[in-house]
N, C-alpha and C. Protein backbone atom coordinates (compact mmCIF):
# COMPACT_ATOMS: atom_id res chain seq x y z
N UNK A 1 56.44 76.56 11.07
CA UNK A 1 55.35 75.62 10.89
C UNK A 1 55.88 74.33 10.25
N UNK A 2 55.47 73.20 10.79
CA UNK A 2 55.95 71.92 10.32
C UNK A 2 54.91 71.29 9.39
N UNK A 3 55.31 71.07 8.13
CA UNK A 3 54.40 70.51 7.13
C UNK A 3 54.53 69.00 6.98
N UNK A 4 55.42 68.40 7.77
CA UNK A 4 55.64 66.95 7.64
C UNK A 4 54.36 66.13 7.86
N UNK A 5 53.61 66.36 8.92
CA UNK A 5 52.37 65.57 9.11
C UNK A 5 51.38 65.76 7.97
N UNK A 6 51.28 66.97 7.48
CA UNK A 6 50.37 67.24 6.37
C UNK A 6 50.83 66.52 5.10
N UNK A 7 52.14 66.54 4.85
CA UNK A 7 52.68 65.84 3.67
C UNK A 7 52.45 64.34 3.79
N UNK A 8 52.61 63.83 5.00
CA UNK A 8 52.40 62.40 5.23
C UNK A 8 50.95 62.02 4.93
N UNK A 9 50.03 62.84 5.39
CA UNK A 9 48.61 62.58 5.13
C UNK A 9 48.32 62.67 3.64
N UNK A 10 48.87 63.66 2.97
CA UNK A 10 48.66 63.80 1.53
C UNK A 10 49.19 62.59 0.77
N UNK A 11 50.34 62.12 1.17
CA UNK A 11 50.94 60.93 0.54
C UNK A 11 50.04 59.71 0.74
N UNK A 12 49.55 59.55 1.94
CA UNK A 12 48.67 58.41 2.23
C UNK A 12 47.37 58.51 1.43
N UNK A 13 46.85 59.70 1.30
CA UNK A 13 45.61 59.89 0.53
C UNK A 13 45.87 59.58 -0.95
N UNK A 14 47.00 60.05 -1.46
CA UNK A 14 47.36 59.74 -2.85
C UNK A 14 47.50 58.23 -3.07
N UNK A 15 48.13 57.56 -2.10
CA UNK A 15 48.27 56.10 -2.18
C UNK A 15 46.90 55.42 -2.19
N UNK A 16 46.00 55.90 -1.34
CA UNK A 16 44.65 55.33 -1.28
C UNK A 16 43.89 55.56 -2.59
N UNK A 17 44.06 56.73 -3.17
CA UNK A 17 43.40 57.03 -4.45
C UNK A 17 43.92 56.09 -5.53
N UNK A 18 45.24 55.89 -5.57
CA UNK A 18 45.81 54.97 -6.56
C UNK A 18 45.30 53.55 -6.34
N UNK A 19 45.24 53.14 -5.09
CA UNK A 19 44.74 51.80 -4.78
C UNK A 19 43.28 51.65 -5.19
N UNK A 20 42.47 52.67 -4.93
CA UNK A 20 41.06 52.63 -5.34
C UNK A 20 40.94 52.53 -6.86
N UNK A 21 41.75 53.30 -7.56
CA UNK A 21 41.73 53.23 -9.03
C UNK A 21 42.13 51.85 -9.52
N UNK A 22 43.17 51.30 -8.90
CA UNK A 22 43.63 49.96 -9.27
C UNK A 22 42.53 48.92 -9.00
N UNK A 23 41.90 49.01 -7.85
CA UNK A 23 40.84 48.05 -7.50
C UNK A 23 39.63 48.21 -8.41
N UNK A 24 39.31 49.44 -8.78
CA UNK A 24 38.20 49.66 -9.72
C UNK A 24 38.50 49.03 -11.08
N UNK A 25 39.73 49.20 -11.55
CA UNK A 25 40.12 48.58 -12.82
C UNK A 25 40.04 47.07 -12.74
N UNK A 26 40.57 46.52 -11.65
CA UNK A 26 40.54 45.08 -11.46
C UNK A 26 39.10 44.56 -11.37
N UNK A 27 38.26 45.29 -10.67
CA UNK A 27 36.86 44.91 -10.54
C UNK A 27 36.16 44.91 -11.90
N UNK A 28 36.45 45.92 -12.70
CA UNK A 28 35.86 46.01 -14.04
C UNK A 28 36.30 44.81 -14.90
N UNK A 29 37.59 44.47 -14.83
CA UNK A 29 38.09 43.31 -15.58
C UNK A 29 37.42 42.02 -15.11
N UNK A 30 37.28 41.87 -13.81
CA UNK A 30 36.65 40.66 -13.27
C UNK A 30 35.18 40.56 -13.69
N UNK A 31 34.49 41.68 -13.71
CA UNK A 31 33.09 41.67 -14.14
C UNK A 31 32.98 41.30 -15.62
N UNK A 32 33.91 41.80 -16.43
CA UNK A 32 33.92 41.43 -17.85
C UNK A 32 34.18 39.95 -18.03
N UNK A 33 35.13 39.41 -17.24
CA UNK A 33 35.40 37.97 -17.31
C UNK A 33 34.18 37.18 -16.87
N UNK A 34 33.52 37.65 -15.82
CA UNK A 34 32.32 36.96 -15.33
C UNK A 34 31.25 36.92 -16.42
N UNK A 35 31.06 38.04 -17.09
CA UNK A 35 30.08 38.08 -18.19
C UNK A 35 30.44 37.06 -19.26
N UNK A 36 31.73 36.98 -19.58
CA UNK A 36 32.18 36.00 -20.58
C UNK A 36 31.91 34.58 -20.14
N UNK A 37 32.23 34.28 -18.88
CA UNK A 37 31.99 32.93 -18.36
C UNK A 37 30.50 32.60 -18.34
N UNK A 38 29.67 33.58 -17.97
CA UNK A 38 28.22 33.34 -17.94
C UNK A 38 27.69 33.08 -19.34
N UNK A 39 28.19 33.83 -20.32
CA UNK A 39 27.77 33.60 -21.70
C UNK A 39 28.22 32.22 -22.19
N UNK A 40 29.46 31.87 -21.86
CA UNK A 40 29.96 30.55 -22.26
C UNK A 40 29.16 29.44 -21.60
N UNK A 41 28.85 29.62 -20.32
CA UNK A 41 28.06 28.62 -19.59
C UNK A 41 26.69 28.44 -20.23
N UNK A 42 26.07 29.55 -20.56
CA UNK A 42 24.76 29.49 -21.20
C UNK A 42 24.83 28.74 -22.53
N UNK A 43 25.86 29.04 -23.30
CA UNK A 43 26.06 28.38 -24.59
C UNK A 43 26.28 26.88 -24.39
N UNK A 44 27.09 26.52 -23.42
CA UNK A 44 27.36 25.10 -23.16
C UNK A 44 26.11 24.36 -22.67
N UNK A 45 25.31 25.01 -21.86
CA UNK A 45 24.06 24.40 -21.41
C UNK A 45 23.15 24.14 -22.60
N UNK A 46 23.06 25.10 -23.51
CA UNK A 46 22.22 24.94 -24.70
C UNK A 46 22.74 23.80 -25.58
N UNK A 47 24.06 23.75 -25.79
CA UNK A 47 24.63 22.66 -26.60
C UNK A 47 24.40 21.31 -25.94
N UNK A 48 24.52 21.27 -24.62
CA UNK A 48 24.29 20.02 -23.89
C UNK A 48 22.84 19.57 -24.06
N UNK A 49 21.92 20.51 -23.99
CA UNK A 49 20.50 20.18 -24.14
C UNK A 49 20.22 19.65 -25.56
N UNK A 50 20.82 20.29 -26.56
CA UNK A 50 20.64 19.83 -27.94
C UNK A 50 21.21 18.42 -28.12
N UNK A 51 22.38 18.16 -27.56
CA UNK A 51 22.98 16.83 -27.65
C UNK A 51 22.10 15.80 -26.95
N UNK A 52 21.57 16.16 -25.81
CA UNK A 52 20.68 15.26 -25.06
C UNK A 52 19.45 14.91 -25.89
N UNK A 53 18.86 15.92 -26.53
CA UNK A 53 17.68 15.67 -27.36
C UNK A 53 18.02 14.77 -28.55
N UNK A 54 19.19 14.97 -29.15
CA UNK A 54 19.60 14.12 -30.28
C UNK A 54 19.81 12.68 -29.83
N UNK A 55 20.45 12.50 -28.68
CA UNK A 55 20.69 11.15 -28.17
C UNK A 55 19.36 10.48 -27.85
N UNK A 56 18.45 11.20 -27.23
CA UNK A 56 17.13 10.63 -26.93
C UNK A 56 16.40 10.24 -28.21
N UNK A 57 16.50 11.07 -29.24
CA UNK A 57 15.85 10.76 -30.52
C UNK A 57 16.47 9.51 -31.14
N UNK A 58 17.80 9.39 -31.08
CA UNK A 58 18.47 8.19 -31.62
C UNK A 58 18.04 6.94 -30.87
N UNK A 59 17.96 7.05 -29.55
CA UNK A 59 17.53 5.90 -28.75
C UNK A 59 16.11 5.50 -29.12
N UNK A 60 15.25 6.46 -29.31
CA UNK A 60 13.86 6.16 -29.70
C UNK A 60 13.82 5.48 -31.05
N UNK A 61 14.62 5.97 -32.00
CA UNK A 61 14.66 5.34 -33.33
C UNK A 61 15.20 3.92 -33.26
N UNK A 62 16.24 3.73 -32.44
CA UNK A 62 16.80 2.38 -32.29
C UNK A 62 15.79 1.43 -31.66
N UNK A 63 15.06 1.90 -30.67
CA UNK A 63 14.03 1.07 -30.04
C UNK A 63 12.94 0.73 -31.05
N UNK A 64 12.56 1.70 -31.88
CA UNK A 64 11.54 1.46 -32.90
C UNK A 64 12.04 0.44 -33.91
N UNK A 65 13.29 0.55 -34.31
CA UNK A 65 13.86 -0.42 -35.24
C UNK A 65 13.91 -1.82 -34.63
N UNK A 66 14.27 -1.87 -33.36
CA UNK A 66 14.36 -3.12 -32.65
C UNK A 66 12.99 -3.80 -32.55
N UNK A 67 11.96 -3.02 -32.32
CA UNK A 67 10.62 -3.57 -32.18
C UNK A 67 10.06 -4.01 -33.53
N UNK A 68 10.46 -3.35 -34.60
CA UNK A 68 9.94 -3.71 -35.91
C UNK A 68 10.65 -4.92 -36.50
N UNK A 69 11.76 -5.34 -35.90
CA UNK A 69 12.51 -6.50 -36.41
C UNK A 69 11.92 -7.79 -35.94
């Protein structure tokens, strides 16, 4: 009985299992990075909005000062 074809199939299956494990690990890392980027983006949007509101308030105060002069 020749076990070569069976061994070849087993080797290929083992390779596929390792590849699946590797891809799962990589996918998990990428999802974690994505979560980090989304959190950072949200934080930056909030900071940008706060800066915008401060600039608008300063412009309003400057206009008020200009009108009172």
